[in-house]
């Protein structure tokens, strides 16, 4: 009966193991809460910075809209001057375009005027993600890209009719709401 003195050692070892496991669980839960709190704070900071940037760009885009609403006609030079400060520093990631509304009755004149202004091969074309956009068939209404902040005329996709692509056409048909930046927090 010499085994009786082993039981207190086994009990102490089990108690130590149970306390270590409990401590590990408690520290794990605490570290997880701390990590979530840090992540939430960091994500909130990034969200605020992103929202502020978007609000700033929306204000600039609304200024372009105001220019066109206040003008009878805006030419390519005015568009370039007005949009230059908006895209400054963002030329590689931001693009502004002007796609005026045109009707089928105005199409021939519109295309001739665009070619006369320096867009030699301008034609209203059906939008496509590839380089080969076909000349648009007759439609009631067009929204072809006439001006673009993209420096390369090839990349600018002049003449692409935004109304020929279903998702964009749906967006065009939506009546604009009072577009003011939303302020968060």
C-alpha atoms as a PDB file:
ATOM      1  CA  UNK A   1       0.000   0.000   0.000  1.00  0.00           C
ATOM      2  CA  UNK A   2       2.679   2.427  -0.874  1.00  0.00           C
ATOM      3  CA  UNK A   3       0.597   4.045  -3.664  1.00  0.00           C
ATOM      4  CA  UNK A   4      -1.283   6.300  -1.267  1.00  0.00           C
ATOM      5  CA  UNK A   5       1.467   8.973  -1.330  1.00  0.00           C
ATOM      6  CA  UNK A   6       1.288   9.156  -5.218  1.00  0.00           C
ATOM      7  CA  UNK A   7      -2.344  10.393  -5.149  1.00  0.00           C
ATOM      8  CA  UNK A   8      -1.569  13.823  -3.715  1.00  0.00           C
ATOM      9  CA  UNK A   9       1.086  14.329  -6.416  1.00  0.00           C
ATOM     10  CA  UNK A  10      -1.353  13.268  -9.173  1.00  0.00           C
ATOM     11  CA  UNK A  11      -4.042  15.526  -7.674  1.00  0.00           C
ATOM     12  CA  UNK A  12      -1.620  18.481  -7.535  1.00  0.00           C
ATOM     13  CA  UNK A  13      -0.559  17.810 -11.145  1.00  0.00           C
ATOM     14  CA  UNK A  14      -4.199  17.647 -12.292  1.00  0.00           C
ATOM     15  CA  UNK A  15      -5.021  20.824 -10.401  1.00  0.00           C
ATOM     16  CA  UNK A  16      -1.990  22.542 -11.966  1.00  0.00           C
ATOM     17  CA  UNK A  17      -3.035  21.343 -15.422  1.00  0.00           C
ATOM     18  CA  UNK A  18      -6.607  22.564 -14.877  1.00  0.00           C
ATOM     19  CA  UNK A  19      -5.375  25.971 -13.649  1.00  0.00           C
ATOM     20  CA  UNK A  20      -2.993  26.274 -16.653  1.00  0.00           C
ATOM     21  CA  UNK A  21      -5.817  25.426 -19.071  1.00  0.00           C
ATOM     22  CA  UNK A  22      -8.144  27.943 -17.379  1.00  0.00           C
ATOM     23  CA  UNK A  23      -5.435  30.625 -17.508  1.00  0.00           C
ATOM     24  CA  UNK A  24      -4.774  29.857 -21.169  1.00  0.00           C
ATOM     25  CA  UNK A  25      -8.486  30.189 -22.009  1.00  0.00           C
ATOM     26  CA  UNK A  26      -8.785  33.443 -20.064  1.00  0.00           C
ATOM     27  CA  UNK A  27      -5.702  34.984 -21.707  1.00  0.00           C
ATOM     28  CA  UNK A  28      -6.869  33.751 -25.129  1.00  0.00           C
ATOM     29  CA  UNK A  29     -10.285  35.371 -24.711  1.00  0.00           C
ATOM     30  CA  UNK A  30      -8.681  38.595 -23.454  1.00  0.00           C
ATOM     31  CA  UNK A  31      -6.251  38.708 -26.432  1.00  0.00           C
ATOM     32  CA  UNK A  32      -9.103  38.039 -28.850  1.00  0.00           C
ATOM     33  CA  UNK A  33     -11.155  40.917 -27.372  1.00  0.00           C
ATOM     34  CA  UNK A  34      -8.089  43.176 -27.557  1.00  0.00           C
ATOM     35  CA  UNK A  35      -7.417  42.190 -31.194  1.00  0.00           C
ATOM     36  CA  UNK A  36     -11.070  42.822 -32.130  1.00  0.00           C
ATOM     37  CA  UNK A  37     -10.989  46.215 -30.416  1.00  0.00           C
ATOM     38  CA  UNK A  38      -7.790  47.182 -32.269  1.00  0.00           C
ATOM     39  CA  UNK A  39      -9.209  45.955 -35.573  1.00  0.00           C
ATOM     40  CA  UNK A  40     -12.469  47.847 -35.052  1.00  0.00           C
ATOM     41  CA  UNK A  41     -10.617  51.059 -34.211  1.00  0.00           C
ATOM     42  CA  UNK A  42      -8.310  50.707 -37.215  1.00  0.00           C
ATOM     43  CA  UNK A  43     -11.173  49.816 -39.555  1.00  0.00           C
ATOM     44  CA  UNK A  44     -13.140  52.796 -38.287  1.00  0.00           C
ATOM     45  CA  UNK A  45     -10.173  55.086 -38.962  1.00  0.00           C
ATOM     46  CA  UNK A  46      -9.785  53.726 -42.489  1.00  0.00           C
ATOM     47  CA  UNK A  47     -13.528  54.022 -43.114  1.00  0.00           C
ATOM     48  CA  UNK A  48     -13.456  57.656 -42.001  1.00  0.00           C
ATOM     49  CA  UNK A  49     -10.489  58.452 -44.244  1.00  0.00           C
ATOM     50  CA  UNK A  50     -12.122  56.672 -47.187  1.00  0.00           C
ATOM     51  CA  UNK A  51     -15.469  58.407 -46.641  1.00  0.00           C
ATOM     52  CA  UNK A  52     -13.767  61.802 -46.377  1.00  0.00           C
ATOM     53  CA  UNK A  53     -11.930  61.151 -49.654  1.00  0.00           C
ATOM     54  CA  UNK A  54     -15.115  60.025 -51.396  1.00  0.00           C
ATOM     55  CA  UNK A  55     -16.980  63.070 -50.094  1.00  0.00           C
ATOM     56  CA  UNK A  56     -14.219  65.316 -51.424  1.00  0.00           C
ATOM     57  CA  UNK A  57     -14.358  63.709 -54.866  1.00  0.00           C
ATOM     58  CA  UNK A  58     -18.153  63.866 -54.918  1.00  0.00           C
ATOM     59  CA  UNK A  59     -17.994  67.604 -54.264  1.00  0.00           C
ATOM     60  CA  UNK A  60     -15.584  67.959 -57.197  1.00  0.00           C
ATOM     61  CA  UNK A  61     -17.775  65.879 -59.487  1.00  0.00           C
ATOM     62  CA  UNK A  62     -20.801  67.948 -58.469  1.00  0.00           C
ATOM     63  CA  UNK A  63     -18.794  71.028 -59.453  1.00  0.00           C
ATOM     64  CA  UNK A  64     -18.334  69.562 -62.950  1.00  0.00           C
ATOM     65  CA  UNK A  65     -22.061  68.891 -63.054  1.00  0.00           C
ATOM     66  CA  UNK A  66     -22.734  72.495 -62.014  1.00  0.00           C
ATOM     67  CA  UNK A  67     -20.463  73.749 -64.809  1.00  0.00           C
ATOM     68  CA  UNK A  68     -22.489  71.880 -67.392  1.00  0.00           C
ATOM     69  CA  UNK A  69     -25.822  72.836 -65.844  1.00  0.00           C
ATOM     70  CA  UNK A  70     -24.806  76.515 -65.953  1.00  0.00           C
ATOM     71  CA  UNK A  71     -23.406  76.457 -69.502  1.00  0.00           C
ATOM     72  CA  UNK A  72     -25.015  76.277 -72.894  1.00  0.00           C
ATOM     73  CA  UNK A  73     -22.016  74.395 -74.264  1.00  0.00           C
ATOM     74  CA  UNK A  74     -18.631  73.429 -72.902  1.00  0.00           C
ATOM     75  CA  UNK A  75     -15.786  72.713 -75.289  1.00  0.00           C
ATOM     76  CA  UNK A  76     -12.885  70.303 -74.842  1.00  0.00           C
ATOM     77  CA  UNK A  77     -10.500  73.029 -73.631  1.00  0.00           C
ATOM     78  CA  UNK A  78     -12.921  74.208 -70.920  1.00  0.00           C
ATOM     79  CA  UNK A  79     -13.463  70.605 -69.857  1.00  0.00           C
ATOM     80  CA  UNK A  80      -9.695  70.040 -69.623  1.00  0.00           C
ATOM     81  CA  UNK A  81      -9.106  73.205 -67.581  1.00  0.00           C
ATOM     82  CA  UNK A  82     -12.006  72.532 -65.244  1.00  0.00           C
ATOM     83  CA  UNK A  83     -11.219  68.859 -64.600  1.00  0.00           C
ATOM     84  CA  UNK A  84      -7.424  69.241 -64.336  1.00  0.00           C
ATOM     85  CA  UNK A  85      -7.493  70.273 -60.683  1.00  0.00           C
ATOM     86  CA  UNK A  86      -9.958  67.500 -59.840  1.00  0.00           C
ATOM     87  CA  UNK A  87      -7.776  64.722 -61.235  1.00  0.00           C
ATOM     88  CA  UNK A  88      -4.432  66.247 -60.245  1.00  0.00           C
ATOM     89  CA  UNK A  89      -2.426  63.569 -58.481  1.00  0.00           C
ATOM     90  CA  UNK A  90      -4.955  60.893 -59.450  1.00  0.00           C
ATOM     91  CA  UNK A  91      -4.375  60.754 -63.212  1.00  0.00           C
ATOM     92  CA  UNK A  92      -3.568  57.035 -63.159  1.00  0.00           C
ATOM     93  CA  UNK A  93      -6.546  56.030 -61.020  1.00  0.00           C
ATOM     94  CA  UNK A  94      -9.295  58.544 -61.787  1.00  0.00           C
ATOM     95  CA  UNK A  95     -11.053  59.308 -65.028  1.00  0.00           C
ATOM     96  CA  UNK A  96     -13.736  61.866 -65.721  1.00  0.00           C
ATOM     97  CA  UNK A  97     -15.723  61.772 -68.941  1.00  0.00           C
ATOM     98  CA  UNK A  98     -18.396  63.899 -70.535  1.00  0.00           C
ATOM     99  CA  UNK A  99     -21.108  62.041 -72.411  1.00  0.00           C
ATOM    100  CA  UNK A 100     -23.738  64.483 -73.658  1.00  0.00           C
ATOM    101  CA  UNK A 101     -27.211  63.269 -74.493  1.00  0.00           C
ATOM    102  CA  UNK A 102     -27.986  63.045 -78.171  1.00  0.00           C
ATOM    103  CA  UNK A 103     -30.914  61.800 -80.190  1.00  0.00           C
ATOM    104  CA  UNK A 104     -30.995  59.837 -83.408  1.00  0.00           C
ATOM    105  CA  UNK A 105     -32.123  62.989 -85.266  1.00  0.00           C
ATOM    106  CA  UNK A 106     -28.987  64.834 -84.095  1.00  0.00           C
ATOM    107  CA  UNK A 107     -26.561  61.935 -84.614  1.00  0.00           C
ATOM    108  CA  UNK A 108     -25.105  62.854 -88.027  1.00  0.00           C
ATOM    109  CA  UNK A 109     -24.478  66.463 -87.045  1.00  0.00           C
ATOM    110  CA  UNK A 110     -23.040  65.413 -83.675  1.00  0.00           C
ATOM    111  CA  UNK A 111     -20.595  62.964 -85.299  1.00  0.00           C
ATOM    112  CA  UNK A 112     -19.513  65.534 -87.947  1.00  0.00           C
ATOM    113  CA  UNK A 113     -18.880  68.185 -85.267  1.00  0.00           C
ATOM    114  CA  UNK A 114     -16.845  65.743 -83.170  1.00  0.00           C
ATOM    115  CA  UNK A 115     -14.705  64.813 -86.195  1.00  0.00           C
ATOM    116  CA  UNK A 116     -14.258  68.509 -87.064  1.00  0.00           C
ATOM    117  CA  UNK A 117     -13.038  69.165 -83.500  1.00  0.00           C
ATOM    118  CA  UNK A 118     -10.122  66.749 -83.941  1.00  0.00           C
ATOM    119  CA  UNK A 119     -11.571  63.311 -83.247  1.00  0.00           C
ATOM    120  CA  UNK A 120     -10.903  62.094 -86.796  1.00  0.00           C
ATOM    121  CA  UNK A 121     -12.574  58.688 -86.640  1.00  0.00           C
ATOM    122  CA  UNK A 122     -15.352  59.628 -84.210  1.00  0.00           C
ATOM    123  CA  UNK A 123     -18.538  57.596 -84.500  1.00  0.00           C
ATOM    124  CA  UNK A 124     -21.122  56.662 -81.925  1.00  0.00           C
ATOM    125  CA  UNK A 125     -20.293  53.069 -81.058  1.00  0.00           C
ATOM    126  CA  UNK A 126     -21.862  50.317 -78.993  1.00  0.00           C
ATOM    127  CA  UNK A 127     -19.912  50.028 -75.738  1.00  0.00           C
ATOM    128  CA  UNK A 128     -17.817  46.881 -75.419  1.00  0.00           C
ATOM    129  CA  UNK A 129     -14.985  45.921 -73.062  1.00  0.00           C
ATOM    130  CA  UNK A 130     -12.753  45.068 -76.032  1.00  0.00           C
ATOM    131  CA  UNK A 131     -10.993  47.387 -78.457  1.00  0.00           C
ATOM    132  CA  UNK A 132     -13.377  46.584 -81.292  1.00  0.00           C
ATOM    133  CA  UNK A 133     -16.562  48.520 -80.690  1.00  0.00           C
ATOM    134  CA  UNK A 134     -19.036  48.344 -83.552  1.00  0.00           C
ATOM    135  CA  UNK A 135     -20.805  51.422 -84.868  1.00  0.00           C
ATOM    136  CA  UNK A 136     -24.011  51.756 -82.879  1.00  0.00           C
ATOM    137  CA  UNK A 137     -27.253  50.931 -84.646  1.00  0.00           C
ATOM    138  CA  UNK A 138     -29.926  53.632 -84.662  1.00  0.00           C
ATOM    139  CA  UNK A 139     -31.392  54.275 -81.202  1.00  0.00           C
ATOM    140  CA  UNK A 140     -33.741  56.812 -79.730  1.00  0.00           C
ATOM    141  CA  UNK A 141     -31.064  58.285 -77.450  1.00  0.00           C
ATOM    142  CA  UNK A 142     -27.267  58.192 -77.112  1.00  0.00           C
ATOM    143  CA  UNK A 143     -24.725  59.163 -74.444  1.00  0.00           C
ATOM    144  CA  UNK A 144     -21.398  58.938 -76.322  1.00  0.00           C
ATOM    145  CA  UNK A 145     -18.107  59.787 -74.628  1.00  0.00           C
ATOM    146  CA  UNK A 146     -17.073  63.155 -76.074  1.00  0.00           C
ATOM    147  CA  UNK A 147     -14.478  64.382 -73.563  1.00  0.00           C
ATOM    148  CA  UNK A 148     -12.192  62.392 -71.285  1.00  0.00           C
ATOM    149  CA  UNK A 149      -9.419  63.150 -68.824  1.00  0.00           C
ATOM    150  CA  UNK A 150      -7.477  60.144 -70.142  1.00  0.00           C
ATOM    151  CA  UNK A 151      -4.450  61.504 -71.999  1.00  0.00           C
ATOM    152  CA  UNK A 152      -4.325  58.758 -74.634  1.00  0.00           C
ATOM    153  CA  UNK A 153      -7.019  59.168 -77.266  1.00  0.00           C
ATOM    154  CA  UNK A 154      -6.897  55.393 -77.853  1.00  0.00           C
ATOM    155  CA  UNK A 155      -7.627  54.671 -74.177  1.00  0.00           C
ATOM    156  CA  UNK A 156     -10.313  57.331 -73.966  1.00  0.00           C
ATOM    157  CA  UNK A 157     -12.905  55.298 -75.939  1.00  0.00           C
ATOM    158  CA  UNK A 158     -14.383  58.392 -77.590  1.00  0.00           C
ATOM    159  CA  UNK A 159     -17.783  57.707 -79.091  1.00  0.00           C
ATOM    160  CA  UNK A 160     -18.613  54.772 -76.825  1.00  0.00           C
ATOM    161  CA  UNK A 161     -22.337  55.026 -76.139  1.00  0.00           C
ATOM    162  CA  UNK A 162     -22.845  54.503 -72.423  1.00  0.00           C
ATOM    163  CA  UNK A 163     -26.544  53.993 -73.069  1.00  0.00           C
ATOM    164  CA  UNK A 164     -25.792  50.857 -75.112  1.00  0.00           C
ATOM    165  CA  UNK A 165     -24.640  48.867 -72.078  1.00  0.00           C
ATOM    166  CA  UNK A 166     -27.596  47.646 -69.958  1.00  0.00           C
ATOM    167  CA  UNK A 167     -26.232  48.404 -66.465  1.00  0.00           C
ATOM    168  CA  UNK A 168     -25.123  51.900 -67.432  1.00  0.00           C
ATOM    169  CA  UNK A 169     -28.343  52.503 -69.320  1.00  0.00           C
ATOM    170  CA  UNK A 170     -30.318  51.649 -66.180  1.00  0.00           C
ATOM    171  CA  UNK A 171     -28.184  54.083 -64.172  1.00  0.00           C
ATOM    172  CA  UNK A 172     -28.697  56.826 -66.764  1.00  0.00           C
ATOM    173  CA  UNK A 173     -32.470  56.387 -66.568  1.00  0.00           C
ATOM    174  CA  UNK A 174     -32.516  56.974 -62.794  1.00  0.00           C
ATOM    175  CA  UNK A 175     -33.526  60.514 -61.931  1.00  0.00           C
ATOM    176  CA  UNK A 176     -30.692  62.236 -60.032  1.00  0.00           C
ATOM    177  CA  UNK A 177     -31.429  62.848 -56.376  1.00  0.00           C
ATOM    178  CA  UNK A 178     -30.082  65.684 -54.269  1.00  0.00           C
ATOM    179  CA  UNK A 179     -26.477  64.455 -54.293  1.00  0.00           C
ATOM    180  CA  UNK A 180     -24.737  65.859 -51.289  1.00  0.00           C
ATOM    181  CA  UNK A 181     -21.946  64.104 -49.431  1.00  0.00           C
ATOM    182  CA  UNK A 182     -23.069  62.111 -46.430  1.00  0.00           C
ATOM    183  CA  UNK A 183     -21.335  63.026 -43.214  1.00  0.00           C
ATOM    184  CA  UNK A 184     -20.479  60.180 -40.915  1.00  0.00           C
ATOM    185  CA  UNK A 185     -19.730  60.081 -37.247  1.00  0.00           C
END
